[in-house]
Amino acid sequence: MQRGILNRLSVYIGRTQIDRLIHISTHSPPLAIEGLKLATKLLKQTQDVPRFRLALDILRKLSPEDAEAVQDDAWIEKTSRKVASDTERIEADLKSYKHNLIKESIRVGLIIDTNRSREPFTDTKYRLVMKILAIIYMHLVISLAPSSATLACVTSALRQSTSLICPCKPSRFASNKGTT
């Protein structure tokens, strides 16, 4: 029986292989028990505790007297703790990264404002509004980065709001039609 399962899985690797084993086990009664045993062995090499419990529950329903249908509480507890600590560490890194990115955007905004001090429309109100817009823009870039279409809409809206704040501000990229 196991040879039949292994032949079907030869083209899959990793998580797809585990998903395929569970699928075969739920749709093919002759291969179900062997497939679930193999799936639980493969799942113990990962950190996917919920999927391990699912495979084990199905195995217990199909073969409650099987020796491999026993829940490994020590592995579940150890892996759950490791996943929780990794998640906390990654979330802390992400929070730190976002904070540093916002600080950097403010710093860049201040450098740009310093360079623009010789340009017209450098009053305090305009600079304050531009800094706030830069902070909002960076926050939106961080939170909406996976969606480039949404990011394009936000960029367009910020450009329009900038022109509403100071409609007479000349564009840096405007061509000089009257000069030769």
N, C-alpha and C. Protein backbone atom coordinates (compact mmCIF):
# COMPACT_ATOMS: atom_id res chain seq x y z
N MET A 1 0.81 -1.21 0.00
CA MET A 1 0.00 0.00 0.00
C MET A 1 0.85 1.27 0.00
N GLN A 2 1.91 1.26 0.81
CA GLN A 2 2.71 2.47 0.91
C GLN A 2 3.39 2.79 -0.42
N ARG A 3 3.70 1.79 -1.20
CA ARG A 3 4.32 2.02 -2.50
C ARG A 3 3.37 2.80 -3.42
N GLY A 4 2.07 2.51 -3.36
CA GLY A 4 1.09 3.24 -4.17
C GLY A 4 1.02 4.70 -3.79
N ILE A 5 1.10 4.99 -2.51
CA ILE A 5 1.09 6.38 -2.05
C ILE A 5 2.37 7.09 -2.48
N LEU A 6 3.50 6.42 -2.32
CA LEU A 6 4.77 7.04 -2.68
C LEU A 6 4.86 7.32 -4.17
N ASN A 7 4.26 6.45 -4.99
CA ASN A 7 4.24 6.71 -6.44
C ASN A 7 3.45 7.97 -6.75
N ARG A 8 2.36 8.19 -6.05
CA ARG A 8 1.53 9.37 -6.30
C ARG A 8 2.17 10.65 -5.79
N LEU A 9 3.05 10.53 -4.80
CA LEU A 9 3.66 11.71 -4.18
C LEU A 9 5.01 12.08 -4.77
N SER A 10 5.51 11.31 -5.71
CA SER A 10 6.87 11.55 -6.20
C SER A 10 7.04 12.92 -6.86
N VAL A 11 5.96 13.54 -7.32
CA VAL A 11 6.08 14.85 -7.98
C VAL A 11 5.89 16.02 -7.01
N TYR A 12 5.54 15.73 -5.75
CA TYR A 12 5.29 16.79 -4.78
C TYR A 12 6.41 16.84 -3.74
N ILE A 13 6.63 18.04 -3.21
CA ILE A 13 7.60 18.20 -2.12
C ILE A 13 7.03 19.15 -1.08
N GLY A 14 7.57 19.09 0.13
CA GLY A 14 7.21 20.03 1.20
C GLY A 14 5.77 19.98 1.62
N ARG A 15 5.22 21.16 1.85
CA ARG A 15 3.85 21.27 2.34
C ARG A 15 2.83 20.71 1.35
N THR A 16 3.11 20.85 0.07
CA THR A 16 2.21 20.32 -0.95
C THR A 16 2.11 18.80 -0.83
N GLN A 17 3.22 18.16 -0.51
CA GLN A 17 3.21 16.72 -0.33
C GLN A 17 2.32 16.32 0.85
N ILE A 18 2.41 17.06 1.93
CA ILE A 18 1.58 16.78 3.11
C ILE A 18 0.11 17.02 2.78
N ASP A 19 -0.20 18.13 2.13
CA ASP A 19 -1.58 18.40 1.74
C ASP A 19 -2.12 17.30 0.83
N ARG A 20 -1.29 16.84 -0.08
CA ARG A 20 -1.70 15.78 -1.01
C ARG A 20 -1.95 14.47 -0.25
N LEU A 21 -1.11 14.17 0.73
CA LEU A 21 -1.31 12.96 1.54
C LEU A 21 -2.65 13.01 2.29
N ILE A 22 -2.95 14.14 2.87
CA ILE A 22 -4.22 14.27 3.60
C ILE A 22 -5.39 14.16 2.62
N HIS A 23 -5.26 14.76 1.45
CA HIS A 23 -6.31 14.67 0.44
C HIS A 23 -6.53 13.22 0.00
N ILE A 24 -5.45 12.52 -0.29
CA ILE A 24 -5.56 11.11 -0.70
C ILE A 24 -6.20 10.30 0.42
N SER A 25 -5.80 10.58 1.65
CA SER A 25 -6.31 9.82 2.80
C SER A 25 -7.80 10.03 3.02
N THR A 26 -8.28 11.21 2.71
CA THR A 26 -9.72 11.47 2.91
C THR A 26 -10.56 11.02 1.73
N HIS A 27 -9.94 10.75 0.58
CA HIS A 27 -10.71 10.37 -0.61
C HIS A 27 -10.47 8.94 -1.08
N SER A 28 -9.50 8.25 -0.50
CA SER A 28 -9.21 6.88 -0.90
C SER A 28 -9.12 6.00 0.34
N PRO A 29 -10.20 5.31 0.70
CA PRO A 29 -10.19 4.48 1.91
C PRO A 29 -9.07 3.44 1.98
N PRO A 30 -8.70 2.78 0.88
CA PRO A 30 -7.61 1.80 1.01
C PRO A 30 -6.25 2.43 1.36
N LEU A 31 -6.04 3.66 0.97
CA LEU A 31 -4.77 4.33 1.23
C LEU A 31 -4.80 5.25 2.44
N ALA A 32 -5.94 5.38 3.08
CA ALA A 32 -6.14 6.39 4.12
C ALA A 32 -5.19 6.22 5.31
N ILE A 33 -5.14 5.06 5.90
CA ILE A 33 -4.35 4.89 7.12
C ILE A 33 -2.86 5.08 6.85
N GLU A 34 -2.34 4.46 5.80
CA GLU A 34 -0.92 4.60 5.47
C GLU A 34 -0.59 6.05 5.11
N GLY A 35 -1.49 6.69 4.39
CA GLY A 35 -1.27 8.09 4.01
C GLY A 35 -1.23 9.00 5.22
N LEU A 36 -2.12 8.78 6.17
CA LEU A 36 -2.15 9.62 7.37
C LEU A 36 -0.93 9.37 8.27
N LYS A 37 -0.49 8.11 8.34
CA LYS A 37 0.72 7.82 9.12
C LYS A 37 1.92 8.55 8.51
N LEU A 38 2.03 8.50 7.20
CA LEU A 38 3.13 9.19 6.53
C LEU A 38 3.00 10.71 6.70
N ALA A 39 1.77 11.22 6.64
CA ALA A 39 1.55 12.65 6.82
C ALA A 39 1.95 13.10 8.22
N THR A 40 1.60 12.33 9.24
CA THR A 40 1.97 12.72 10.61
C THR A 40 3.49 12.68 10.80
N LYS A 41 4.16 11.73 10.16
CA LYS A 41 5.63 11.69 10.24
C LYS A 41 6.24 12.93 9.58
N LEU A 42 5.72 13.29 8.42
CA LEU A 42 6.23 14.48 7.72
C LEU A 42 5.89 15.75 8.49
N LEU A 43 4.71 15.80 9.09
CA LEU A 43 4.31 17.00 9.83
C LEU A 43 5.15 17.21 11.08
N LYS A 44 5.68 16.15 11.66
CA LYS A 44 6.54 16.30 12.83
C LYS A 44 7.88 16.95 12.46
N GLN A 45 8.20 16.98 11.18
CA GLN A 45 9.43 17.64 10.74
C GLN A 45 9.19 19.12 10.48
N THR A 46 7.94 19.57 10.56
CA THR A 46 7.60 20.98 10.35
C THR A 46 7.19 21.59 11.69
N GLN A 47 6.60 22.78 11.63
CA GLN A 47 6.08 23.43 12.83
C GLN A 47 4.57 23.64 12.72
N ASP A 48 3.93 22.85 11.90
CA ASP A 48 2.49 23.01 11.63
C ASP A 48 1.68 22.15 12.60
N VAL A 49 1.48 22.66 13.82
CA VAL A 49 0.76 21.92 14.85
C VAL A 49 -0.71 21.72 14.48
N PRO A 50 -1.43 22.74 13.98
CA PRO A 50 -2.85 22.52 13.64
C PRO A 50 -3.05 21.43 12.57
N ARG A 51 -2.19 21.42 11.56
CA ARG A 51 -2.31 20.41 10.50
C ARG A 51 -1.97 19.03 11.06
N PHE A 52 -0.99 18.95 11.99
CA PHE A 52 -0.64 17.68 12.63
C PHE A 52 -1.84 17.14 13.41
N ARG A 53 -2.49 18.03 14.17
CA ARG A 53 -3.67 17.60 14.94
C ARG A 53 -4.79 17.12 14.03
N LEU A 54 -4.98 17.81 12.88
CA LEU A 54 -6.00 17.40 11.93
C LEU A 54 -5.72 16.00 11.40
N ALA A 55 -4.49 15.77 10.97
CA ALA A 55 -4.13 14.44 10.44
C ALA A 55 -4.26 13.37 11.52
N LEU A 56 -3.86 13.69 12.73
CA LEU A 56 -3.96 12.74 13.84
C LEU A 56 -5.41 12.44 14.19
N ASP A 57 -6.26 13.46 14.17
CA ASP A 57 -7.69 13.24 14.46
C ASP A 57 -8.33 12.33 13.42
N ILE A 58 -8.01 12.55 12.16
CA ILE A 58 -8.56 11.70 11.10
C ILE A 58 -8.04 10.27 11.27
N LEU A 59 -6.76 10.12 11.60
CA LEU A 59 -6.17 8.79 11.81
C LEU A 59 -6.84 8.09 12.99
N ARG A 60 -7.11 8.82 14.07
CA ARG A 60 -7.79 8.22 15.24
C ARG A 60 -9.19 7.76 14.91
N LYS A 61 -9.90 8.52 14.05
CA LYS A 61 -11.26 8.11 13.66
C LYS A 61 -11.23 6.84 12.82
N LEU A 62 -10.23 6.75 11.93
CA LEU A 62 -10.16 5.59 11.04
C LEU A 62 -9.57 4.36 11.73
N SER A 63 -8.61 4.56 12.60
CA SER A 63 -7.93 3.45 13.25
C SER A 63 -7.58 3.81 14.69
N PRO A 64 -8.57 3.75 15.60
CA PRO A 64 -8.33 4.19 16.97
C PRO A 64 -7.34 3.31 17.74
N GLU A 65 -7.19 2.05 17.34
CA GLU A 65 -6.29 1.14 18.06
C GLU A 65 -4.85 1.21 17.55
N ASP A 66 -4.60 1.96 16.51
CA ASP A 66 -3.26 2.06 15.91
C ASP A 66 -2.30 2.74 16.89
N ALA A 67 -1.07 2.21 16.97
CA ALA A 67 -0.06 2.75 17.89
C ALA A 67 0.38 4.15 17.47
N GLU A 68 0.33 4.44 16.19
CA GLU A 68 0.76 5.76 15.71
C GLU A 68 -0.35 6.81 15.82
N ALA A 69 -1.52 6.42 16.29
CA ALA A 69 -2.62 7.36 16.44
C ALA A 69 -2.62 8.05 17.79
N VAL A 70 -1.52 7.93 18.52
CA VAL A 70 -1.40 8.54 19.84
C VAL A 70 -0.84 9.95 19.68
N GLN A 71 -1.46 10.89 20.37
CA GLN A 71 -1.04 12.28 20.27
C GLN A 71 0.27 12.49 21.03
N ASP A 72 1.23 13.13 20.39
CA ASP A 72 2.52 13.42 21.00
C ASP A 72 2.46 14.80 21.65
N ASP A 73 1.99 14.83 22.90
CA ASP A 73 1.79 16.11 23.60
C ASP A 73 3.09 16.87 23.82
N ALA A 74 4.17 16.15 24.05
CA ALA A 74 5.46 16.82 24.28
C ALA A 74 5.89 17.57 23.01
N TRP A 75 5.77 16.95 21.85
CA TRP A 75 6.12 17.60 20.59
C TRP A 75 5.21 18.80 20.33
N ILE A 76 3.92 18.62 20.57
CA ILE A 76 2.96 19.70 20.34
C ILE A 76 3.28 20.89 21.23
N GLU A 77 3.55 20.65 22.51
CA GLU A 77 3.85 21.75 23.44
C GLU A 77 5.15 22.45 23.06
N LYS A 78 6.19 21.67 22.78
CA LYS A 78 7.49 22.24 22.42
C LYS A 78 7.39 23.06 21.14
N THR A 79 6.73 22.52 20.14
CA THR A 79 6.61 23.21 18.86
C THR A 79 5.73 24.46 18.98
N SER A 80 4.65 24.35 19.75
CA SER A 80 3.77 25.52 19.95
C SER A 80 4.52 26.66 20.63
N ARG A 81 5.33 26.33 21.63
CA ARG A 81 6.13 27.36 22.31
C ARG A 81 7.13 28.00 21.35
N LYS A 82 7.77 27.18 20.53
CA LYS A 82 8.75 27.70 19.58
C LYS A 82 8.08 28.61 18.55
N VAL A 83 6.92 28.20 18.05
CA VAL A 83 6.18 29.02 17.08
C VAL A 83 5.77 30.34 17.72
N ALA A 84 5.29 30.29 18.96
CA ALA A 84 4.86 31.52 19.65
C ALA A 84 6.04 32.47 19.85
N SER A 85 7.19 31.94 20.27
CA SER A 85 8.35 32.81 20.48
C SER A 85 8.87 33.37 19.15
N ASP A 86 8.87 32.56 18.11
CA ASP A 86 9.28 33.06 16.79
C ASP A 86 8.33 34.15 16.30
N THR A 87 7.04 33.95 16.51
CA THR A 87 6.06 34.94 16.09
C THR A 87 6.25 36.25 16.84
N GLU A 88 6.47 36.18 18.15
CA GLU A 88 6.71 37.40 18.93
C GLU A 88 7.96 38.12 18.46
N ARG A 89 9.03 37.37 18.19
CA ARG A 89 10.28 37.97 17.73
C ARG A 89 10.10 38.65 16.37
N ILE A 90 9.41 37.97 15.46
CA ILE A 90 9.20 38.53 14.13
C ILE A 90 8.31 39.77 14.20
N GLU A 91 7.27 39.74 15.03
CA GLU A 91 6.41 40.92 15.18
C GLU A 91 7.17 42.09 15.79
N ALA A 92 8.05 41.82 16.74
CA ALA A 92 8.87 42.89 17.33
C ALA A 92 9.82 43.47 16.28
N ASP A 93 10.42 42.59 15.47
CA ASP A 93 11.29 43.08 14.39
C ASP A 93 10.52 43.95 13.40
N LEU A 94 9.31 43.52 13.06
CA LEU A 94 8.48 44.29 12.13
C LEU A 94 8.12 45.65 12.70
N LYS A 95 7.75 45.67 13.98
CA LYS A 95 7.40 46.94 14.63
C LYS A 95 8.60 47.88 14.64
N SER A 96 9.75 47.33 14.95
CA SER A 96 10.98 48.13 14.96
C SER A 96 11.30 48.65 13.56
N TYR A 97 11.13 47.81 12.57
CA TYR A 97 11.39 48.21 11.18
C TYR A 97 10.45 49.34 10.77
N LYS A 98 9.17 49.22 11.10
CA LYS A 98 8.20 50.27 10.75
C LYS A 98 8.57 51.59 11.44
N HIS A 99 8.93 51.50 12.73
CA HIS A 99 9.30 52.69 13.49
C HIS A 99 10.53 53.36 12.86
N ASN A 100 11.52 52.57 12.53
CA ASN A 100 12.73 53.13 11.92
C ASN A 100 12.46 53.71 10.54
N LEU A 101 11.55 53.08 9.79
CA LEU A 101 11.22 53.59 8.47
C LEU A 101 10.51 54.95 8.56
N ILE A 102 9.63 55.09 9.53
CA ILE A 102 8.94 56.38 9.72
C ILE A 102 9.94 57.45 10.15
N LYS A 103 10.84 57.11 11.08
CA LYS A 103 11.86 58.07 11.50
C LYS A 103 12.74 58.48 10.32
N GLU A 104 13.10 57.53 9.47
CA GLU A 104 13.94 57.83 8.31
C GLU A 104 13.18 58.72 7.32
N SER A 105 11.88 58.47 7.15
CA SER A 105 11.12 59.30 6.22
C SER A 105 11.02 60.74 6.74
N ILE A 106 10.91 60.90 8.04
CA ILE A 106 10.89 62.25 8.62
C ILE A 106 12.25 62.92 8.40
N ARG A 107 13.33 62.16 8.60
CA ARG A 107 14.67 62.71 8.41
C ARG A 107 14.87 63.14 6.96
N VAL A 108 14.45 62.31 6.03
CA VAL A 108 14.57 62.65 4.62
C VAL A 108 13.71 63.88 4.31
N GLY A 109 12.54 63.95 4.90
CA GLY A 109 11.68 65.12 4.71
C GLY A 109 12.34 66.39 5.21
N LEU A 110 13.03 66.29 6.34
CA LEU A 110 13.73 67.46 6.87
C LEU A 110 14.88 67.87 5.96
N ILE A 111 15.59 66.91 5.40
CA ILE A 111 16.68 67.22 4.47
C ILE A 111 16.13 67.90 3.22
N ILE A 112 15.02 67.38 2.72
CA ILE A 112 14.41 67.97 1.53
C ILE A 112 13.94 69.39 1.84
N ASP A 113 13.34 69.58 3.03
CA ASP A 113 12.89 70.91 3.41
C ASP A 113 14.06 71.88 3.53
N THR A 114 15.18 71.41 4.04
CA THR A 114 16.36 72.26 4.15
C THR A 114 16.85 72.66 2.77
N ASN A 115 16.83 71.73 1.83
CA ASN A 115 17.26 72.03 0.47
C ASN A 115 16.29 72.96 -0.25
N ARG A 116 15.05 72.95 0.15
CA ARG A 116 14.04 73.80 -0.49
C ARG A 116 13.95 75.18 0.14
N SER A 117 14.80 75.48 1.11
CA SER A 117 14.67 76.76 1.81
C SER A 117 14.87 77.95 0.87
N ARG A 118 15.49 77.75 -0.26
CA ARG A 118 15.68 78.84 -1.21
C ARG A 118 14.53 78.93 -2.20
N GLU A 119 13.64 77.94 -2.19
CA GLU A 119 12.51 77.94 -3.12
C GLU A 119 11.34 78.74 -2.54
N PRO A 120 10.44 79.18 -3.41
CA PRO A 120 9.25 79.86 -2.89
C PRO A 120 8.35 78.88 -2.14
N PHE A 121 7.43 79.42 -1.38
CA PHE A 121 6.44 78.66 -0.62
C PHE A 121 7.11 77.74 0.41
N THR A 122 8.00 78.27 1.19
CA THR A 122 8.65 77.48 2.23
C THR A 122 8.18 77.91 3.61
N ASP A 123 6.98 78.42 3.69
CA ASP A 123 6.49 78.85 4.99
C ASP A 123 6.26 77.63 5.90
N THR A 124 6.15 77.88 7.17
CA THR A 124 6.07 76.85 8.18
C THR A 124 4.84 75.96 8.01
N LYS A 125 3.71 76.57 7.68
CA LYS A 125 2.48 75.79 7.52
C LYS A 125 2.63 74.78 6.38
N TYR A 126 3.19 75.20 5.29
CA TYR A 126 3.36 74.30 4.14
C TYR A 126 4.30 73.15 4.50
N ARG A 127 5.41 73.45 5.16
CA ARG A 127 6.36 72.40 5.54
C ARG A 127 5.73 71.42 6.52
N LEU A 128 4.94 71.93 7.47
CA LEU A 128 4.27 71.06 8.44
C LEU A 128 3.29 70.11 7.75
N VAL A 129 2.51 70.65 6.84
CA VAL A 129 1.55 69.83 6.11
C VAL A 129 2.27 68.78 5.28
N MET A 130 3.37 69.16 4.64
CA MET A 130 4.12 68.20 3.83
C MET A 130 4.72 67.09 4.69
N LYS A 131 5.18 67.43 5.87
CA LYS A 131 5.73 66.41 6.77
C LYS A 131 4.64 65.44 7.21
N ILE A 132 3.48 65.97 7.54
CA ILE A 132 2.36 65.11 7.94
C ILE A 132 1.96 64.20 6.78
N LEU A 133 1.90 64.75 5.58
CA LEU A 133 1.58 63.93 4.42
C LEU A 133 2.63 62.86 4.17
N ALA A 134 3.90 63.18 4.41
CA ALA A 134 4.96 62.19 4.23
C ALA A 134 4.82 61.06 5.24
N ILE A 135 4.48 61.40 6.48
CA ILE A 135 4.28 60.38 7.50
C ILE A 135 3.08 59.50 7.14
N ILE A 136 2.00 60.11 6.73
CA ILE A 136 0.80 59.34 6.33
C ILE A 136 1.14 58.45 5.14
N TYR A 137 1.86 59.00 4.18
CA TYR A 137 2.22 58.23 2.99
C TYR A 137 3.08 57.02 3.38
N MET A 138 4.07 57.20 4.23
CA MET A 138 4.93 56.09 4.63
C MET A 138 4.13 55.04 5.40
N HIS A 139 3.22 55.49 6.25
CA HIS A 139 2.37 54.53 6.97
C HIS A 139 1.54 53.73 5.98
N LEU A 140 0.98 54.39 4.99
CA LEU A 140 0.18 53.69 4.00
C LEU A 140 1.03 52.78 3.13
N VAL A 141 2.24 53.20 2.82
CA VAL A 141 3.14 52.35 2.04
C VAL A 141 3.42 51.06 2.81
N ILE A 142 3.65 51.19 4.11
CA ILE A 142 3.95 50.00 4.92
C ILE A 142 2.72 49.10 5.00
N SER A 143 1.56 49.66 5.23
CA SER A 143 0.38 48.83 5.44
C SER A 143 -0.25 48.34 4.15
N LEU A 144 -0.03 49.03 3.02
CA LEU A 144 -0.67 48.65 1.77
C LEU A 144 0.32 48.15 0.73
N ALA A 145 1.54 47.88 1.12
CA ALA A 145 2.58 47.50 0.16
C ALA A 145 2.20 46.34 -0.75
N PRO A 146 1.50 45.29 -0.26
CA PRO A 146 1.19 44.18 -1.17
C PRO A 146 0.26 44.58 -2.32
N SER A 147 -0.48 45.65 -2.17
CA SER A 147 -1.44 46.03 -3.20
C SER A 147 -0.93 47.26 -3.94
N SER A 148 -0.29 47.05 -5.08
CA SER A 148 0.29 48.18 -5.82
C SER A 148 -0.79 49.08 -6.41
N ALA A 149 -1.97 48.52 -6.74
CA ALA A 149 -3.05 49.34 -7.27
C ALA A 149 -3.55 50.31 -6.20
N THR A 150 -3.70 49.82 -4.97
CA THR A 150 -4.13 50.68 -3.87
C THR A 150 -3.07 51.73 -3.59
N LEU A 151 -1.81 51.35 -3.65
CA LEU A 151 -0.73 52.28 -3.42
C LEU A 151 -0.73 53.39 -4.47
N ALA A 152 -1.03 53.05 -5.72
CA ALA A 152 -1.09 54.05 -6.78
C ALA A 152 -2.23 55.04 -6.51
N CYS A 153 -3.36 54.54 -6.03
CA CYS A 153 -4.49 55.42 -5.69
C CYS A 153 -4.12 56.36 -4.56
N VAL A 154 -3.43 55.84 -3.53
CA VAL A 154 -3.03 56.67 -2.40
C VAL A 154 -2.05 57.74 -2.85
N THR A 155 -1.09 57.36 -3.70
CA THR A 155 -0.11 58.32 -4.21
C THR A 155 -0.80 59.43 -5.00
N SER A 156 -1.74 59.06 -5.83
CA SER A 156 -2.48 60.05 -6.61
C SER A 156 -3.27 60.99 -5.71
N ALA A 157 -3.91 60.42 -4.68
CA ALA A 157 -4.69 61.25 -3.76
C ALA A 157 -3.79 62.21 -3.00
N LEU A 158 -2.62 61.76 -2.59
CA LEU A 158 -1.70 62.64 -1.87
C LEU A 158 -1.20 63.76 -2.77
N ARG A 159 -0.96 63.45 -4.04
CA ARG A 159 -0.54 64.51 -4.97
C ARG A 159 -1.63 65.54 -5.13
N GLN A 160 -2.87 65.08 -5.23
CA GLN A 160 -3.99 66.01 -5.38
C GLN A 160 -4.15 66.85 -4.12
N SER A 161 -4.01 66.21 -2.93
CA SER A 161 -4.17 66.98 -1.70
C SER A 161 -3.05 67.99 -1.54
N THR A 162 -1.87 67.69 -2.03
CA THR A 162 -0.76 68.64 -1.97
C THR A 162 -1.07 69.84 -2.84
N SER A 163 -1.64 69.61 -4.01
CA SER A 163 -1.95 70.74 -4.88
C SER A 163 -3.10 71.57 -4.31
N LEU A 164 -3.97 70.95 -3.51
CA LEU A 164 -5.05 71.71 -2.89
C LEU A 164 -4.53 72.58 -1.75
N ILE A 165 -3.49 72.10 -1.05
CA ILE A 165 -2.94 72.86 0.07
C ILE A 165 -2.26 74.12 -0.44
N CYS A 166 -1.52 73.98 -1.49
CA CYS A 166 -0.80 75.11 -2.05
C CYS A 166 -0.93 75.06 -3.57
N PRO A 167 -2.07 75.50 -4.12
CA PRO A 167 -2.32 75.34 -5.54
C PRO A 167 -1.39 76.17 -6.41
N CYS A 168 -0.77 77.20 -5.87
CA CYS A 168 0.07 78.04 -6.70
C CYS A 168 1.53 77.62 -6.68
N LYS A 169 1.87 76.55 -5.97
CA LYS A 169 3.26 76.09 -5.89
C LYS A 169 3.67 75.55 -7.25
N PRO A 170 4.75 76.06 -7.81
CA PRO A 170 5.19 75.57 -9.12
C PRO A 170 5.73 74.15 -9.00
N SER A 171 5.48 73.37 -10.00
CA SER A 171 5.95 72.00 -10.02
C SER A 171 7.41 71.98 -10.42
N ARG A 172 8.17 71.09 -9.82
CA ARG A 172 9.58 70.96 -10.16
C ARG A 172 9.75 70.46 -11.59
N PHE A 173 8.78 69.69 -12.04
CA PHE A 173 8.89 69.04 -13.32
C PHE A 173 8.15 69.78 -14.42
N ALA A 174 7.63 70.93 -14.11
CA ALA A 174 6.91 71.69 -15.12
C ALA A 174 7.92 72.24 -16.14
N SER A 175 7.53 72.18 -17.38
CA SER A 175 8.43 72.69 -18.42
C SER A 175 8.34 74.21 -18.49
N ASN A 176 9.38 74.83 -18.85
CA ASN A 176 9.41 76.29 -18.98
C ASN A 176 9.05 76.64 -20.42
N LYS A 177 7.75 76.80 -20.69
CA LYS A 177 7.26 77.04 -22.05
C LYS A 177 7.61 78.45 -22.53
N GLY A 178 7.64 79.39 -21.61
CA GLY A 178 7.84 80.78 -22.01
C GLY A 178 9.29 81.13 -22.19
N THR A 179 10.22 80.33 -21.71
CA THR A 179 11.64 80.66 -21.81
C THR A 179 12.29 79.89 -22.94
N THR A 180 13.35 80.44 -23.44
CA THR A 180 14.08 79.75 -24.52
C THR A 180 15.48 79.44 -24.10
